Amino acid sequence: MSVPVELLPNSLQEMINVIGLPNTWKIVEKFGGVRLWVPGKFTPSNSLSPVIGHDAARALIERFHNEELSVPRCVEAIRAVRDAAICEAMANGETAASQARHYGLTERAIFKIKARQQAAFNEAQIALL
């Protein structure tokens, strides 16, 4: 999953610098919307290792030990990723109905997403002129 970093809150930027975007995204998926207590020292049985692995957990604990991090839900970024995936799937021959079923949306919502993406693309093209 490709996440547009510019859509992520600034509060995640340091976490991305410490453990990388893929591991930060795993933290958001698991703990988004709640506070995450980072333990004071690394132990193999810590709560972070099952989510991001021992090496990333060790790095995160080293940087944020004994801190409580507020993990944002990143709704805008998640929506942008979903919308891009829908448009890519449709460009590859998937139907609006199949995408609606896959994402739990209506066909009308899928068509609106596709239209928004196309309008944004057209605006970007015009801006280049």
C-alpha atoms as a PDB file:
ATOM      1  CA  MET A   1       0.000   0.000   0.000  1.00  0.00           C
ATOM      2  CA  SER A   2       1.424   3.344  -1.026  1.00  0.00           C
ATOM      3  CA  VAL A   3       0.671   6.083   1.473  1.00  0.00           C
ATOM      4  CA  PRO A   4       0.965   9.733   0.434  1.00  0.00           C
ATOM      5  CA  VAL A   5       3.338  11.020   3.118  1.00  0.00           C
ATOM      6  CA  GLU A   6       2.253  14.620   2.587  1.00  0.00           C
ATOM      7  CA  LEU A   7      -1.232  13.664   3.803  1.00  0.00           C
ATOM      8  CA  LEU A   8       0.048  12.252   7.093  1.00  0.00           C
ATOM      9  CA  PRO A   9      -0.029  14.489  10.179  1.00  0.00           C
ATOM     10  CA  ASN A  10       3.250  16.130  11.222  1.00  0.00           C
ATOM     11  CA  SER A  11       3.145  14.152  14.450  1.00  0.00           C
ATOM     12  CA  LEU A  12       4.027  11.027  12.448  1.00  0.00           C
ATOM     13  CA  GLN A  13       7.003  12.514  10.624  1.00  0.00           C
ATOM     14  CA  GLU A  14       9.518  11.737  13.382  1.00  0.00           C
ATOM     15  CA  MET A  15       8.149   8.224  13.726  1.00  0.00           C
ATOM     16  CA  ILE A  16       8.615   7.762   9.974  1.00  0.00           C
ATOM     17  CA  ASN A  17      12.214   8.970  10.326  1.00  0.00           C
ATOM     18  CA  VAL A  18      12.856   6.434  13.095  1.00  0.00           C
ATOM     19  CA  ILE A  19      11.110   3.275  11.832  1.00  0.00           C
ATOM     20  CA  GLY A  20      10.196   4.055   8.226  1.00  0.00           C
ATOM     21  CA  LEU A  21       6.877   4.568   6.517  1.00  0.00           C
ATOM     22  CA  PRO A  22       5.754   0.911   6.280  1.00  0.00           C
ATOM     23  CA  ASN A  23       6.214   0.326  10.023  1.00  0.00           C
ATOM     24  CA  THR A  24       4.652   3.672  10.900  1.00  0.00           C
ATOM     25  CA  TRP A  25       1.661   2.719   8.769  1.00  0.00           C
ATOM     26  CA  LYS A  26       1.362  -0.563  10.712  1.00  0.00           C
ATOM     27  CA  ILE A  27       1.279   1.455  13.950  1.00  0.00           C
ATOM     28  CA  VAL A  28      -1.466   3.691  12.512  1.00  0.00           C
ATOM     29  CA  GLU A  29      -3.512   0.675  11.379  1.00  0.00           C
ATOM     30  CA  LYS A  30      -3.222  -1.003  14.793  1.00  0.00           C
ATOM     31  CA  PHE A  31      -3.315   1.980  17.180  1.00  0.00           C
ATOM     32  CA  GLY A  32      -4.863   4.845  15.170  1.00  0.00           C
ATOM     33  CA  GLY A  33      -7.127   7.017  17.300  1.00  0.00           C
ATOM     34  CA  VAL A  34      -5.688   5.958  20.645  1.00  0.00           C
ATOM     35  CA  ARG A  35      -2.654   6.727  22.762  1.00  0.00           C
ATOM     36  CA  LEU A  36       0.251   4.317  22.575  1.00  0.00           C
ATOM     37  CA  TRP A  37       2.497   3.845  25.590  1.00  0.00           C
ATOM     38  CA  VAL A  38       6.094   3.211  24.542  1.00  0.00           C
ATOM     39  CA  PRO A  39       7.900   1.120  27.179  1.00  0.00           C
ATOM     40  CA  GLY A  40      11.075   2.320  28.857  1.00  0.00           C
ATOM     41  CA  LYS A  41      13.248  -0.485  27.570  1.00  0.00           C
ATOM     42  CA  PHE A  42      13.101  -3.144  24.916  1.00  0.00           C
ATOM     43  CA  THR A  43      12.044  -6.676  25.807  1.00  0.00           C
ATOM     44  CA  PRO A  44      11.244  -9.382  23.259  1.00  0.00           C
ATOM     45  CA  SER A  45       7.701  -9.644  24.659  1.00  0.00           C
ATOM     46  CA  ASN A  46       6.828  -5.934  24.269  1.00  0.00           C
ATOM     47  CA  SER A  47       3.536  -4.990  22.640  1.00  0.00           C
ATOM     48  CA  LEU A  48       5.169  -3.335  19.619  1.00  0.00           C
ATOM     49  CA  SER A  49       7.210  -6.275  18.281  1.00  0.00           C
ATOM     50  CA  PRO A  50       4.242  -8.298  16.995  1.00  0.00           C
ATOM     51  CA  VAL A  51       3.124  -5.245  15.021  1.00  0.00           C
ATOM     52  CA  ILE A  52       6.402  -3.904  13.582  1.00  0.00           C
ATOM     53  CA  GLY A  53       9.051  -6.493  14.420  1.00  0.00           C
ATOM     54  CA  HIS A  54      11.893  -6.509  16.963  1.00  0.00           C
ATOM     55  CA  ASP A  55      14.280  -4.159  15.133  1.00  0.00           C
ATOM     56  CA  ALA A  56      11.721  -1.430  14.533  1.00  0.00           C
ATOM     57  CA  ALA A  57      10.301  -1.839  18.050  1.00  0.00           C
ATOM     58  CA  ARG A  58      13.795  -1.486  19.491  1.00  0.00           C
ATOM     59  CA  ALA A  59      14.368   1.708  17.456  1.00  0.00           C
ATOM     60  CA  LEU A  60      10.996   3.166  18.436  1.00  0.00           C
ATOM     61  CA  ILE A  61      11.557   2.390  22.112  1.00  0.00           C
ATOM     62  CA  GLU A  62      15.058   3.864  21.963  1.00  0.00           C
ATOM     63  CA  ARG A  63      13.688   7.152  20.614  1.00  0.00           C
ATOM     64  CA  PHE A  64      10.354   7.427  22.466  1.00  0.00           C
ATOM     65  CA  HIS A  65      10.996   5.406  25.658  1.00  0.00           C
ATOM     66  CA  ASN A  66       8.521   6.098  28.462  1.00  0.00           C
ATOM     67  CA  GLU A  67       6.440   8.391  26.251  1.00  0.00           C
ATOM     68  CA  GLU A  68       2.774   8.260  25.448  1.00  0.00           C
ATOM     69  CA  LEU A  69       2.235   8.847  21.737  1.00  0.00           C
ATOM     70  CA  SER A  70      -1.074   9.981  20.336  1.00  0.00           C
ATOM     71  CA  VAL A  71      -1.491   8.000  17.126  1.00  0.00           C
ATOM     72  CA  PRO A  72      -3.707   9.769  14.583  1.00  0.00           C
ATOM     73  CA  ARG A  73      -6.201   7.812  12.487  1.00  0.00           C
ATOM     74  CA  CYS A  74      -4.989   9.353   9.195  1.00  0.00           C
ATOM     75  CA  VAL A  75      -8.436   9.241   7.633  1.00  0.00           C
ATOM     76  CA  GLU A  76      -7.509  11.543   4.741  1.00  0.00           C
ATOM     77  CA  ALA A  77      -4.476   9.452   3.777  1.00  0.00           C
ATOM     78  CA  ILE A  78      -6.407   6.192   4.057  1.00  0.00           C
ATOM     79  CA  ARG A  79      -9.159   7.600   1.842  1.00  0.00           C
ATOM     80  CA  ALA A  80      -6.617   8.831  -0.725  1.00  0.00           C
ATOM     81  CA  VAL A  81      -4.999   5.392  -0.872  1.00  0.00           C
ATOM     82  CA  ARG A  82      -8.388   3.706  -1.241  1.00  0.00           C
ATOM     83  CA  ASP A  83      -9.512   6.098  -3.966  1.00  0.00           C
ATOM     84  CA  ALA A  84      -6.281   5.641  -5.923  1.00  0.00           C
ATOM     85  CA  ALA A  85      -6.613   1.856  -5.624  1.00  0.00           C
ATOM     86  CA  ILE A  86     -10.203   2.014  -6.895  1.00  0.00           C
ATOM     87  CA  CYS A  87      -9.209   4.105  -9.912  1.00  0.00           C
ATOM     88  CA  GLU A  88      -6.245   1.863 -10.687  1.00  0.00           C
ATOM     89  CA  ALA A  89      -8.422  -1.249 -10.479  1.00  0.00           C
ATOM     90  CA  MET A  90     -10.997   0.284 -12.788  1.00  0.00           C
ATOM     91  CA  ALA A  91      -8.275   1.335 -15.249  1.00  0.00           C
ATOM     92  CA  ASN A  92      -7.218  -2.331 -15.238  1.00  0.00           C
ATOM     93  CA  GLY A  93     -10.705  -3.511 -16.190  1.00  0.00           C
ATOM     94  CA  GLU A  94     -12.417  -3.986 -12.836  1.00  0.00           C
ATOM     95  CA  THR A  95     -16.052  -2.944 -12.714  1.00  0.00           C
ATOM     96  CA  ALA A  96     -17.610  -0.338 -10.464  1.00  0.00           C
ATOM     97  CA  ALA A  97     -19.799  -3.087  -9.011  1.00  0.00           C
ATOM     98  CA  SER A  98     -16.817  -5.235  -8.034  1.00  0.00           C
ATOM     99  CA  GLN A  99     -15.076  -2.257  -6.436  1.00  0.00           C
ATOM    100  CA  ALA A 100     -18.257  -1.283  -4.599  1.00  0.00           C
ATOM    101  CA  ARG A 101     -18.518  -4.784  -3.146  1.00  0.00           C
ATOM    102  CA  HIS A 102     -14.807  -4.887  -2.275  1.00  0.00           C
ATOM    103  CA  TYR A 103     -14.823  -1.570  -0.388  1.00  0.00           C
ATOM    104  CA  GLY A 104     -18.359  -1.689   0.995  1.00  0.00           C
ATOM    105  CA  LEU A 105     -19.464   1.304  -1.065  1.00  0.00           C
ATOM    106  CA  THR A 106     -22.193   1.929  -3.608  1.00  0.00           C
ATOM    107  CA  GLU A 107     -21.554   2.008  -7.347  1.00  0.00           C
ATOM    108  CA  ARG A 108     -22.560   5.662  -7.279  1.00  0.00           C
ATOM    109  CA  ALA A 109     -19.812   6.357  -4.704  1.00  0.00           C
ATOM    110  CA  ILE A 110     -17.286   4.533  -6.907  1.00  0.00           C
ATOM    111  CA  PHE A 111     -18.264   6.677  -9.912  1.00  0.00           C
ATOM    112  CA  LYS A 112     -17.968   9.838  -7.792  1.00  0.00           C
ATOM    113  CA  ILE A 113     -14.493   8.781  -6.630  1.00  0.00           C
ATOM    114  CA  LYS A 114     -13.442   8.132 -10.216  1.00  0.00           C
ATOM    115  CA  ALA A 115     -14.823  11.519 -11.328  1.00  0.00           C
ATOM    116  CA  ARG A 116     -12.987  13.334  -8.480  1.00  0.00           C
ATOM    117  CA  GLN A 117      -9.718  11.616  -9.380  1.00  0.00           C
ATOM    118  CA  GLN A 118     -10.175  12.490 -13.059  1.00  0.00           C
ATOM    119  CA  ALA A 119     -10.988  16.123 -12.227  1.00  0.00           C
ATOM    120  CA  ALA A 120      -7.874  16.373 -10.048  1.00  0.00           C
ATOM    121  CA  PHE A 121      -5.789  14.863 -12.840  1.00  0.00           C
ATOM    122  CA  ASN A 122      -7.246  17.315 -15.372  1.00  0.00           C
ATOM    123  CA  GLU A 123      -6.524  20.290 -13.073  1.00  0.00           C
ATOM    124  CA  ALA A 124      -2.938  19.116 -12.673  1.00  0.00           C
ATOM    125  CA  GLN A 125      -2.563  18.837 -16.444  1.00  0.00           C
ATOM    126  CA  ILE A 126      -3.974  22.340 -16.989  1.00  0.00           C
ATOM    127  CA  ALA A 127      -1.607  23.738 -14.346  1.00  0.00           C
ATOM    128  CA  LEU A 128       1.311  22.397 -16.380  1.00  0.00           C
ATOM    129  CA  LEU A 129       0.327  24.516 -19.385  1.00  0.00           C
END
